[in-house]
Amino acid sequence: QMIIVGSYELGTIIIIESSISYLGL
């Protein structure tokens, strides 16, 4: 079940990382 959650969370984390970098932080 953790593999399912992790595969979904991976996309969310990439979005957040790009958003933080977009803001210069």
mmCIF file of all heavy atoms, coordinates in Angstrom:
data_MODEL
# 
_entry.id   MODEL 
# 
loop_
_atom_site.group_PDB 
_atom_site.id 
_atom_site.type_symbol 
_atom_site.label_atom_id 
_atom_site.label_alt_id 
_atom_site.label_comp_id 
_atom_site.label_asym_id 
_atom_site.label_entity_id 
_atom_site.label_seq_id 
_atom_site.pdbx_PDB_ins_code 
_atom_site.Cartn_x 
_atom_site.Cartn_y 
_atom_site.Cartn_z 
_atom_site.occupancy 
_atom_site.B_iso_or_equiv 
_atom_site.pdbx_formal_charge 
_atom_site.auth_seq_id 
_atom_site.auth_comp_id 
_atom_site.auth_asym_id 
_atom_site.auth_atom_id 
_atom_site.pdbx_PDB_model_num 
ATOM 1   N N   . GLN A 1 1  ? 0.827  -1.205 0.000   1.00 0.00 ? 1  GLN A N   1 
ATOM 2   C CA  . GLN A 1 1  ? 0.000  0.000  0.000   1.00 0.00 ? 1  GLN A CA  1 
ATOM 3   C C   . GLN A 1 1  ? 0.865  1.261  0.000   1.00 0.00 ? 1  GLN A C   1 
ATOM 4   O O   . GLN A 1 1  ? 0.482  2.292  -0.561  1.00 0.00 ? 1  GLN A O   1 
ATOM 5   C CB  . GLN A 1 1  ? -0.924 0.008  1.228   1.00 0.00 ? 1  GLN A CB  1 
ATOM 6   C CG  . GLN A 1 1  ? -1.922 -1.137 1.256   1.00 0.00 ? 1  GLN A CG  1 
ATOM 7   C CD  . GLN A 1 1  ? -2.880 -1.083 0.086   1.00 0.00 ? 1  GLN A CD  1 
ATOM 8   O OE1 . GLN A 1 1  ? -3.300 -0.010 -0.340  1.00 0.00 ? 1  GLN A OE1 1 
ATOM 9   N NE2 . GLN A 1 1  ? -3.219 -2.242 -0.452  1.00 0.00 ? 1  GLN A NE2 1 
ATOM 10  N N   . MET A 1 2  ? 2.031  1.189  0.620   1.00 0.00 ? 2  MET A N   1 
ATOM 11  C CA  . MET A 1 2  ? 2.918  2.343  0.649   1.00 0.00 ? 2  MET A CA  1 
ATOM 12  C C   . MET A 1 2  ? 3.463  2.677  -0.741  1.00 0.00 ? 2  MET A C   1 
ATOM 13  O O   . MET A 1 2  ? 3.744  3.829  -1.048  1.00 0.00 ? 2  MET A O   1 
ATOM 14  C CB  . MET A 1 2  ? 4.090  2.095  1.610   1.00 0.00 ? 2  MET A CB  1 
ATOM 15  C CG  . MET A 1 2  ? 3.683  1.954  3.064   1.00 0.00 ? 2  MET A CG  1 
ATOM 16  S SD  . MET A 1 2  ? 2.822  3.407  3.728   1.00 0.00 ? 2  MET A SD  1 
ATOM 17  C CE  . MET A 1 2  ? 1.122  2.817  3.729   1.00 0.00 ? 2  MET A CE  1 
ATOM 18  N N   . ILE A 1 3  ? 3.623  1.651  -1.583  1.00 0.00 ? 3  ILE A N   1 
ATOM 19  C CA  . ILE A 1 3  ? 4.063  1.896  -2.953  1.00 0.00 ? 3  ILE A CA  1 
ATOM 20  C C   . ILE A 1 3  ? 3.024  2.710  -3.707  1.00 0.00 ? 3  ILE A C   1 
ATOM 21  O O   . ILE A 1 3  ? 3.354  3.619  -4.480  1.00 0.00 ? 3  ILE A O   1 
ATOM 22  C CB  . ILE A 1 3  ? 4.332  0.548  -3.664  1.00 0.00 ? 3  ILE A CB  1 
ATOM 23  C CG1 . ILE A 1 3  ? 5.495  -0.178 -2.985  1.00 0.00 ? 3  ILE A CG1 1 
ATOM 24  C CG2 . ILE A 1 3  ? 4.627  0.762  -5.138  1.00 0.00 ? 3  ILE A CG2 1 
ATOM 25  C CD1 . ILE A 1 3  ? 5.766  -1.551 -3.555  1.00 0.00 ? 3  ILE A CD1 1 
ATOM 26  N N   . ILE A 1 4  ? 1.744  2.423  -3.455  1.00 0.00 ? 4  ILE A N   1 
ATOM 27  C CA  . ILE A 1 4  ? 0.678  3.189  -4.101  1.00 0.00 ? 4  ILE A CA  1 
ATOM 28  C C   . ILE A 1 4  ? 0.712  4.636  -3.637  1.00 0.00 ? 4  ILE A C   1 
ATOM 29  O O   . ILE A 1 4  ? 0.648  5.570  -4.437  1.00 0.00 ? 4  ILE A O   1 
ATOM 30  C CB  . ILE A 1 4  ? -0.689 2.550  -3.789  1.00 0.00 ? 4  ILE A CB  1 
ATOM 31  C CG1 . ILE A 1 4  ? -0.736 1.121  -4.312  1.00 0.00 ? 4  ILE A CG1 1 
ATOM 32  C CG2 . ILE A 1 4  ? -1.820 3.374  -4.374  1.00 0.00 ? 4  ILE A CG2 1 
ATOM 33  C CD1 . ILE A 1 4  ? -1.990 0.364  -3.940  1.00 0.00 ? 4  ILE A CD1 1 
ATOM 34  N N   . VAL A 1 5  ? 0.821  4.832  -2.313  1.00 0.00 ? 5  VAL A N   1 
ATOM 35  C CA  . VAL A 1 5  ? 0.866  6.194  -1.772  1.00 0.00 ? 5  VAL A CA  1 
ATOM 36  C C   . VAL A 1 5  ? 2.102  6.931  -2.276  1.00 0.00 ? 5  VAL A C   1 
ATOM 37  O O   . VAL A 1 5  ? 2.046  8.109  -2.645  1.00 0.00 ? 5  VAL A O   1 
ATOM 38  C CB  . VAL A 1 5  ? 0.842  6.160  -0.233  1.00 0.00 ? 5  VAL A CB  1 
ATOM 39  C CG1 . VAL A 1 5  ? 0.938  7.567  0.342   1.00 0.00 ? 5  VAL A CG1 1 
ATOM 40  C CG2 . VAL A 1 5  ? -0.427 5.473  0.269   1.00 0.00 ? 5  VAL A CG2 1 
ATOM 41  N N   . GLY A 1 6  ? 3.241  6.227  -2.321  1.00 0.00 ? 6  GLY A N   1 
ATOM 42  C CA  . GLY A 1 6  ? 4.478  6.858  -2.759  1.00 0.00 ? 6  GLY A CA  1 
ATOM 43  C C   . GLY A 1 6  ? 4.445  7.274  -4.209  1.00 0.00 ? 6  GLY A C   1 
ATOM 44  O O   . GLY A 1 6  ? 4.956  8.343  -4.572  1.00 0.00 ? 6  GLY A O   1 
ATOM 45  N N   . SER A 1 7  ? 3.854  6.458  -5.071  1.00 0.00 ? 7  SER A N   1 
ATOM 46  C CA  . SER A 1 7  ? 3.773  6.819  -6.489  1.00 0.00 ? 7  SER A CA  1 
ATOM 47  C C   . SER A 1 7  ? 2.918  8.051  -6.704  1.00 0.00 ? 7  SER A C   1 
ATOM 48  O O   . SER A 1 7  ? 3.176  8.851  -7.613  1.00 0.00 ? 7  SER A O   1 
ATOM 49  C CB  . SER A 1 7  ? 3.219  5.637  -7.290  1.00 0.00 ? 7  SER A CB  1 
ATOM 50  O OG  . SER A 1 7  ? 1.898  5.323  -6.877  1.00 0.00 ? 7  SER A OG  1 
ATOM 51  N N   . TYR A 1 8  ? 1.903  8.222  -5.868  1.00 0.00 ? 8  TYR A N   1 
ATOM 52  C CA  . TYR A 1 8  ? 1.080  9.434  -5.965  1.00 0.00 ? 8  TYR A CA  1 
ATOM 53  C C   . TYR A 1 8  ? 1.805  10.643 -5.375  1.00 0.00 ? 8  TYR A C   1 
ATOM 54  O O   . TYR A 1 8  ? 1.785  11.739 -5.944  1.00 0.00 ? 8  TYR A O   1 
ATOM 55  C CB  . TYR A 1 8  ? -0.246 9.212  -5.239  1.00 0.00 ? 8  TYR A CB  1 
ATOM 56  C CG  . TYR A 1 8  ? -1.111 10.446 -5.175  1.00 0.00 ? 8  TYR A CG  1 
ATOM 57  C CD1 . TYR A 1 8  ? -1.887 10.826 -6.266  1.00 0.00 ? 8  TYR A CD1 1 
ATOM 58  C CD2 . TYR A 1 8  ? -1.144 11.240 -4.035  1.00 0.00 ? 8  TYR A CD2 1 
ATOM 59  C CE1 . TYR A 1 8  ? -2.679 11.968 -6.214  1.00 0.00 ? 8  TYR A CE1 1 
ATOM 60  C CE2 . TYR A 1 8  ? -1.930 12.376 -3.974  1.00 0.00 ? 8  TYR A CE2 1 
ATOM 61  C CZ  . TYR A 1 8  ? -2.700 12.732 -5.071  1.00 0.00 ? 8  TYR A CZ  1 
ATOM 62  O OH  . TYR A 1 8  ? -3.470 13.865 -5.014  1.00 0.00 ? 8  TYR A OH  1 
ATOM 63  N N   . GLU A 1 9  ? 2.455  10.439 -4.236  1.00 0.00 ? 9  GLU A N   1 
ATOM 64  C CA  . GLU A 1 9  ? 3.136  11.551 -3.567  1.00 0.00 ? 9  GLU A CA  1 
ATOM 65  C C   . GLU A 1 9  ? 4.328  12.051 -4.360  1.00 0.00 ? 9  GLU A C   1 
ATOM 66  O O   . GLU A 1 9  ? 4.714  13.216 -4.233  1.00 0.00 ? 9  GLU A O   1 
ATOM 67  C CB  . GLU A 1 9  ? 3.593  11.108 -2.173  1.00 0.00 ? 9  GLU A CB  1 
ATOM 68  C CG  . GLU A 1 9  ? 2.501  11.081 -1.130  1.00 0.00 ? 9  GLU A CG  1 
ATOM 69  C CD  . GLU A 1 9  ? 2.034  12.471 -0.748  1.00 0.00 ? 9  GLU A CD  1 
ATOM 70  O OE1 . GLU A 1 9  ? 2.893  13.370 -0.628  1.00 0.00 ? 9  GLU A OE1 1 
ATOM 71  O OE2 . GLU A 1 9  ? 0.825  12.659 -0.573  1.00 0.00 ? 9  GLU A OE2 1 
ATOM 72  N N   . LEU A 1 10 ? 4.938  11.208 -5.189  1.00 0.00 ? 10 LEU A N   1 
ATOM 73  C CA  . LEU A 1 10 ? 6.098  11.631 -5.969  1.00 0.00 ? 10 LEU A CA  1 
ATOM 74  C C   . LEU A 1 10 ? 5.752  12.801 -6.873  1.00 0.00 ? 10 LEU A C   1 
ATOM 75  O O   . LEU A 1 10 ? 6.505  13.784 -6.949  1.00 0.00 ? 10 LEU A O   1 
ATOM 76  C CB  . LEU A 1 10 ? 6.625  10.456 -6.788  1.00 0.00 ? 10 LEU A CB  1 
ATOM 77  C CG  . LEU A 1 10 ? 7.827  10.747 -7.701  1.00 0.00 ? 10 LEU A CG  1 
ATOM 78  C CD1 . LEU A 1 10 ? 9.006  11.260 -6.902  1.00 0.00 ? 10 LEU A CD1 1 
ATOM 79  C CD2 . LEU A 1 10 ? 8.211  9.493  -8.490  1.00 0.00 ? 10 LEU A CD2 1 
ATOM 80  N N   . GLY A 1 11 ? 4.627  12.717 -7.562  1.00 0.00 ? 11 GLY A N   1 
ATOM 81  C CA  . GLY A 1 11 ? 4.203  13.825 -8.420  1.00 0.00 ? 11 GLY A CA  1 
ATOM 82  C C   . GLY A 1 11 ? 3.929  15.087 -7.625  1.00 0.00 ? 11 GLY A C   1 
ATOM 83  O O   . GLY A 1 11 ? 4.274  16.200 -8.050  1.00 0.00 ? 11 GLY A O   1 
ATOM 84  N N   . THR A 1 12 ? 3.304  14.937 -6.451  1.00 0.00 ? 12 THR A N   1 
ATOM 85  C CA  . THR A 1 12 ? 3.013  16.097 -5.609  1.00 0.00 ? 12 THR A CA  1 
ATOM 86  C C   . THR A 1 12 ? 4.294  16.777 -5.139  1.00 0.00 ? 12 THR A C   1 
ATOM 87  O O   . THR A 1 12 ? 4.403  18.012 -5.141  1.00 0.00 ? 12 THR A O   1 
ATOM 88  C CB  . THR A 1 12 ? 2.177  15.667 -4.397  1.00 0.00 ? 12 THR A CB  1 
ATOM 89  O OG1 . THR A 1 12 ? 0.972  15.027 -4.853  1.00 0.00 ? 12 THR A OG1 1 
ATOM 90  C CG2 . THR A 1 12 ? 1.813  16.863 -3.536  1.00 0.00 ? 12 THR A CG2 1 
ATOM 91  N N   . ILE A 1 13 ? 5.289  15.986 -4.763  1.00 0.00 ? 13 ILE A N   1 
ATOM 92  C CA  . ILE A 1 13 ? 6.550  16.554 -4.284  1.00 0.00 ? 13 ILE A CA  1 
ATOM 93  C C   . ILE A 1 13 ? 7.285  17.275 -5.414  1.00 0.00 ? 13 ILE A C   1 
ATOM 94  O O   . ILE A 1 13 ? 7.885  18.337 -5.194  1.00 0.00 ? 13 ILE A O   1 
ATOM 95  C CB  . ILE A 1 13 ? 7.415  15.441 -3.666  1.00 0.00 ? 13 ILE A CB  1 
ATOM 96  C CG1 . ILE A 1 13 ? 6.819  14.999 -2.337  1.00 0.00 ? 13 ILE A CG1 1 
ATOM 97  C CG2 . ILE A 1 13 ? 8.853  15.903 -3.479  1.00 0.00 ? 13 ILE A CG2 1 
ATOM 98  C CD1 . ILE A 1 13 ? 7.562  13.877 -1.662  1.00 0.00 ? 13 ILE A CD1 1 
ATOM 99  N N   . ILE A 1 14 ? 7.242  16.723 -6.627  1.00 0.00 ? 14 ILE A N   1 
ATOM 100 C CA  . ILE A 1 14 ? 7.884  17.401 -7.755  1.00 0.00 ? 14 ILE A CA  1 
ATOM 101 C C   . ILE A 1 14 ? 7.221  18.747 -8.018  1.00 0.00 ? 14 ILE A C   1 
ATOM 102 O O   . ILE A 1 14 ? 7.895  19.748 -8.310  1.00 0.00 ? 14 ILE A O   1 
ATOM 103 C CB  . ILE A 1 14 ? 7.835  16.501 -9.001  1.00 0.00 ? 14 ILE A CB  1 
ATOM 104 C CG1 . ILE A 1 14 ? 8.722  15.273 -8.810  1.00 0.00 ? 14 ILE A CG1 1 
ATOM 105 C CG2 . ILE A 1 14 ? 8.287  17.269 -10.246 1.00 0.00 ? 14 ILE A CG2 1 
ATOM 106 C CD1 . ILE A 1 14 ? 8.650  14.283 -9.944  1.00 0.00 ? 14 ILE A CD1 1 
ATOM 107 N N   . ILE A 1 15 ? 5.896  18.805 -7.907  1.00 0.00 ? 15 ILE A N   1 
ATOM 108 C CA  . ILE A 1 15 ? 5.183  20.078 -8.081  1.00 0.00 ? 15 ILE A CA  1 
ATOM 109 C C   . ILE A 1 15 ? 5.615  21.080 -7.016  1.00 0.00 ? 15 ILE A C   1 
ATOM 110 O O   . ILE A 1 15 ? 5.880  22.253 -7.311  1.00 0.00 ? 15 ILE A O   1 
ATOM 111 C CB  . ILE A 1 15 ? 3.664  19.852 -8.030  1.00 0.00 ? 15 ILE A CB  1 
ATOM 112 C CG1 . ILE A 1 15 ? 3.199  19.054 -9.244  1.00 0.00 ? 15 ILE A CG1 1 
ATOM 113 C CG2 . ILE A 1 15 ? 2.926  21.185 -7.978  1.00 0.00 ? 15 ILE A CG2 1 
ATOM 114 C CD1 . ILE A 1 15 ? 1.724  18.733 -9.227  1.00 0.00 ? 15 ILE A CD1 1 
ATOM 115 N N   . ILE A 1 16 ? 5.679  20.623 -5.767  1.00 0.00 ? 16 ILE A N   1 
ATOM 116 C CA  . ILE A 1 16 ? 6.044  21.531 -4.673  1.00 0.00 ? 16 ILE A CA  1 
ATOM 117 C C   . ILE A 1 16 ? 7.473  22.021 -4.845  1.00 0.00 ? 16 ILE A C   1 
ATOM 118 O O   . ILE A 1 16 ? 7.765  23.214 -4.644  1.00 0.00 ? 16 ILE A O   1 
ATOM 119 C CB  . ILE A 1 16 ? 5.851  20.823 -3.322  1.00 0.00 ? 16 ILE A CB  1 
ATOM 120 C CG1 . ILE A 1 16 ? 4.370  20.511 -3.099  1.00 0.00 ? 16 ILE A CG1 1 
ATOM 121 C CG2 . ILE A 1 16 ? 6.399  21.676 -2.182  1.00 0.00 ? 16 ILE A CG2 1 
ATOM 122 C CD1 . ILE A 1 16 ? 4.095  19.730 -1.827  1.00 0.00 ? 16 ILE A CD1 1 
ATOM 123 N N   . GLU A 1 17 ? 8.392  21.114 -5.203  1.00 0.00 ? 17 GLU A N   1 
ATOM 124 C CA  . GLU A 1 17 ? 9.787  21.540 -5.420  1.00 0.00 ? 17 GLU A CA  1 
ATOM 125 C C   . GLU A 1 17 ? 9.886  22.578 -6.524  1.00 0.00 ? 17 GLU A C   1 
ATOM 126 O O   . GLU A 1 17 ? 10.608 23.581 -6.392  1.00 0.00 ? 17 GLU A O   1 
ATOM 127 C CB  . GLU A 1 17 ? 10.628 20.314 -5.765  1.00 0.00 ? 17 GLU A CB  1 
ATOM 128 C CG  . GLU A 1 17 ? 12.103 20.616 -6.007  1.00 0.00 ? 17 GLU A CG  1 
ATOM 129 C CD  . GLU A 1 17 ? 12.401 21.012 -7.443  1.00 0.00 ? 17 GLU A CD  1 
ATOM 130 O OE1 . GLU A 1 17 ? 11.779 20.432 -8.354  1.00 0.00 ? 17 GLU A OE1 1 
ATOM 131 O OE2 . GLU A 1 17 ? 13.248 21.916 -7.651  1.00 0.00 ? 17 GLU A OE2 1 
ATOM 132 N N   . SER A 1 18 ? 9.166  22.375 -7.611  1.00 0.00 ? 18 SER A N   1 
ATOM 133 C CA  . SER A 1 18 ? 9.189  23.337 -8.710  1.00 0.00 ? 18 SER A CA  1 
ATOM 134 C C   . SER A 1 18 ? 8.564  24.666 -8.287  1.00 0.00 ? 18 SER A C   1 
ATOM 135 O O   . SER A 1 18 ? 9.040  25.734 -8.698  1.00 0.00 ? 18 SER A O   1 
ATOM 136 C CB  . SER A 1 18 ? 8.437  22.765 -9.918  1.00 0.00 ? 18 SER A CB  1 
ATOM 137 O OG  . SER A 1 18 ? 9.035  21.576 -10.379 1.00 0.00 ? 18 SER A OG  1 
ATOM 138 N N   . SER A 1 19 ? 7.524  24.610 -7.469  1.00 0.00 ? 19 SER A N   1 
ATOM 139 C CA  . SER A 1 19 ? 6.883  25.840 -6.997  1.00 0.00 ? 19 SER A CA  1 
ATOM 140 C C   . SER A 1 19 ? 7.818  26.643 -6.095  1.00 0.00 ? 19 SER A C   1 
ATOM 141 O O   . SER A 1 19 ? 7.917  27.870 -6.213  1.00 0.00 ? 19 SER A O   1 
ATOM 142 C CB  . SER A 1 19 ? 5.586  25.503 -6.256  1.00 0.00 ? 19 SER A CB  1 
ATOM 143 O OG  . SER A 1 19 ? 4.691  24.783 -7.075  1.00 0.00 ? 19 SER A OG  1 
ATOM 144 N N   . ILE A 1 20 ? 8.505  25.931 -5.188  1.00 0.00 ? 20 ILE A N   1 
ATOM 145 C CA  . ILE A 1 20 ? 9.454  26.610 -4.306  1.00 0.00 ? 20 ILE A CA  1 
ATOM 146 C C   . ILE A 1 20 ? 10.597 27.222 -5.112  1.00 0.00 ? 20 ILE A C   1 
ATOM 147 O O   . ILE A 1 20 ? 11.025 28.357 -4.868  1.00 0.00 ? 20 ILE A O   1 
ATOM 148 C CB  . ILE A 1 20 ? 9.996  25.622 -3.258  1.00 0.00 ? 20 ILE A CB  1 
ATOM 149 C CG1 . ILE A 1 20 ? 8.871  25.133 -2.339  1.00 0.00 ? 20 ILE A CG1 1 
ATOM 150 C CG2 . ILE A 1 20 ? 11.099 26.269 -2.446  1.00 0.00 ? 20 ILE A CG2 1 
ATOM 151 C CD1 . ILE A 1 20 ? 8.278  26.203 -1.462  1.00 0.00 ? 20 ILE A CD1 1 
ATOM 152 N N   . SER A 1 21 ? 11.107 26.482 -6.100  1.00 0.00 ? 21 SER A N   1 
ATOM 153 C CA  . SER A 1 21 ? 12.189 27.011 -6.936  1.00 0.00 ? 21 SER A CA  1 
ATOM 154 C C   . SER A 1 21 ? 11.686 28.166 -7.797  1.00 0.00 ? 21 SER A C   1 
ATOM 155 O O   . SER A 1 21 ? 12.436 29.109 -8.072  1.00 0.00 ? 21 SER A O   1 
ATOM 156 C CB  . SER A 1 21 ? 12.752 25.893 -7.821  1.00 0.00 ? 21 SER A CB  1 
ATOM 157 O OG  . SER A 1 21 ? 13.305 24.856 -7.039  1.00 0.00 ? 21 SER A OG  1 
ATOM 158 N N   . TYR A 1 22 ? 10.454 28.092 -8.239  1.00 0.00 ? 22 TYR A N   1 
ATOM 159 C CA  . TYR A 1 22 ? 9.872  29.185 -9.024  1.00 0.00 ? 22 TYR A CA  1 
ATOM 160 C C   . TYR A 1 22 ? 9.853  30.484 -8.220  1.00 0.00 ? 22 TYR A C   1 
ATOM 161 O O   . TYR A 1 22 ? 10.076 31.570 -8.762  1.00 0.00 ? 22 TYR A O   1 
ATOM 162 C CB  . TYR A 1 22 ? 8.452  28.800 -9.437  1.00 0.00 ? 22 TYR A CB  1 
ATOM 163 C CG  . TYR A 1 22 ? 7.700  29.867 -10.192 1.00 0.00 ? 22 TYR A CG  1 
ATOM 164 C CD1 . TYR A 1 22 ? 7.842  29.994 -11.571 1.00 0.00 ? 22 TYR A CD1 1 
ATOM 165 C CD2 . TYR A 1 22 ? 6.855  30.746 -9.535  1.00 0.00 ? 22 TYR A CD2 1 
ATOM 166 C CE1 . TYR A 1 22 ? 7.158  30.977 -12.266 1.00 0.00 ? 22 TYR A CE1 1 
ATOM 167 C CE2 . TYR A 1 22 ? 6.166  31.733 -10.214 1.00 0.00 ? 22 TYR A CE2 1 
ATOM 168 C CZ  . TYR A 1 22 ? 6.318  31.837 -11.587 1.00 0.00 ? 22 TYR A CZ  1 
ATOM 169 O OH  . TYR A 1 22 ? 5.633  32.817 -12.264 1.00 0.00 ? 22 TYR A OH  1 
ATOM 170 N N   . LEU A 1 23 ? 9.621  30.366 -6.912  1.00 0.00 ? 23 LEU A N   1 
ATOM 171 C CA  . LEU A 1 23 ? 9.595  31.546 -6.043  1.00 0.00 ? 23 LEU A CA  1 
ATOM 172 C C   . LEU A 1 23 ? 10.992 32.001 -5.639  1.00 0.00 ? 23 LEU A C   1 
ATOM 173 O O   . LEU A 1 23 ? 11.128 33.017 -4.952  1.00 0.00 ? 23 LEU A O   1 
ATOM 174 C CB  . LEU A 1 23 ? 8.765  31.247 -4.794  1.00 0.00 ? 23 LEU A CB  1 
ATOM 175 C CG  . LEU A 1 23 ? 7.284  30.936 -5.035  1.00 0.00 ? 23 LEU A CG  1 
ATOM 176 C CD1 . LEU A 1 23 ? 6.609  30.527 -3.738  1.00 0.00 ? 23 LEU A CD1 1 
ATOM 177 C CD2 . LEU A 1 23 ? 6.573  32.128 -5.655  1.00 0.00 ? 23 LEU A CD2 1 
ATOM 178 N N   . GLY A 1 24 ? 12.021 31.253 -6.038  1.00 0.00 ? 24 GLY A N   1 
ATOM 179 C CA  . GLY A 1 24 ? 13.392 31.638 -5.722  1.00 0.00 ? 24 GLY A CA  1 
ATOM 180 C C   . GLY A 1 24 ? 13.884 31.127 -4.387  1.00 0.00 ? 24 GLY A C   1 
ATOM 181 O O   . GLY A 1 24 ? 14.953 31.545 -3.921  1.00 0.00 ? 24 GLY A O   1 
ATOM 182 N N   . LEU A 1 25 ? 13.133 30.215 -3.738  1.00 0.00 ? 25 LEU A N   1 
ATOM 183 C CA  . LEU A 1 25 ? 13.517 29.704 -2.425  1.00 0.00 ? 25 LEU A CA  1 
ATOM 184 C C   . LEU A 1 25 ? 13.989 28.250 -2.473  1.00 0.00 ? 25 LEU A C   1 
ATOM 185 O O   . LEU A 1 25 ? 14.223 27.647 -1.433  1.00 0.00 ? 25 LEU A O   1 
ATOM 186 C CB  . LEU A 1 25 ? 12.333 29.814 -1.449  1.00 0.00 ? 25 LEU A CB  1 
ATOM 187 C CG  . LEU A 1 25 ? 11.855 31.229 -1.142  1.00 0.00 ? 25 LEU A CG  1 
ATOM 188 C CD1 . LEU A 1 25 ? 10.596 31.194 -0.299  1.00 0.00 ? 25 LEU A CD1 1 
ATOM 189 C CD2 . LEU A 1 25 ? 12.948 32.023 -0.430  1.00 0.00 ? 25 LEU A CD2 1 
# 
